[in-house]
Amino acid sequence: MIRRRTAVALLASPLLLTGCGGGAEATERRAPARRPAPAPTPRGSTPAAPRGIPGLGPERAAAIPERCTQAVVVTGRGQNSPLCTVVLHQRTPTGWQAGPAWPGHNALRGWSAHHVLGDLRSPLGVYTLSDAGGLLPDPGGKLPYHHSSGFHSPGTGFEGEPLEGSFDYVVAIDYNRRPGTSPLDWTRPLGPGRGGGVWLHVDHGGPTHGCVSVAKAHMKDLLRTLDPGRHPVVVMGYADWLAH
């Protein structure tokens, strides 16, 4: 079942900076009283430049749509590493504000600019986030949510860890899929050979086949924060690639 919920607007509170100064002078001899020197007129402060997203170079930053105000940035430790850090950034009137950094996993063999089925690499790029779902009921999110037993995840991972519960909560990454459908929809616009089913999902303690995973509590945080009205995206890749 898919349902939509009203977005909760996030308000940014600007800090007002004020300053004051003054001085006094005494003389030993009597002298005509002096009028105190007028206090200097404070100069107008120069507005700070809007904050960008740390770690993103101009090319990657330019790939984020102008209307997007939520960006999940997945920074891989290296081109061939399965380890990454996930941070949700939200755009405010003064720039992007970063949330907490969460440890996570990506694909076993790292990253690929041309992901194909079975390469065990996560696709580099900037992708929209349109749909969610899971084996467990919607925890109070805003994205359309598909609650289904089809999210069952049996078996073991690459390090022998159990996969059970990995798909309790998922957010579909719009790589080679049709936005506006369940994450379980297997339509592949680029063809089946280019892979698909790339999700943000619950971490099982080891590398993935192509997805990005974080702890269950963090997935719940993402689901409760990501808002379709803010046009969220994921920016994903290893650090050197993101820096371009």
Foldseek 3Di string as FASTA:
>chain_A
DWDADDADDDADDDDDDDDFDADDDDDPDDDPDDDGDDGDDDDDDDQDAADEDPLFAPVQSVQPDPLAFKEWEWAAADQQDQKTKIWIWGAHPRYIDIDDIFIKTFFNGHADCQAWPQPRYAHADKFWWAAKEACADQPAFRHTYHHDPVQAQADADPVRFGCGQFRRIKIATPQQDDHPDYLPDPHGPVDPGSPGSAIETDHRPDHDSHHMYGHPVVRSVCRHNDHVSNGYMYHYHHSVVSND
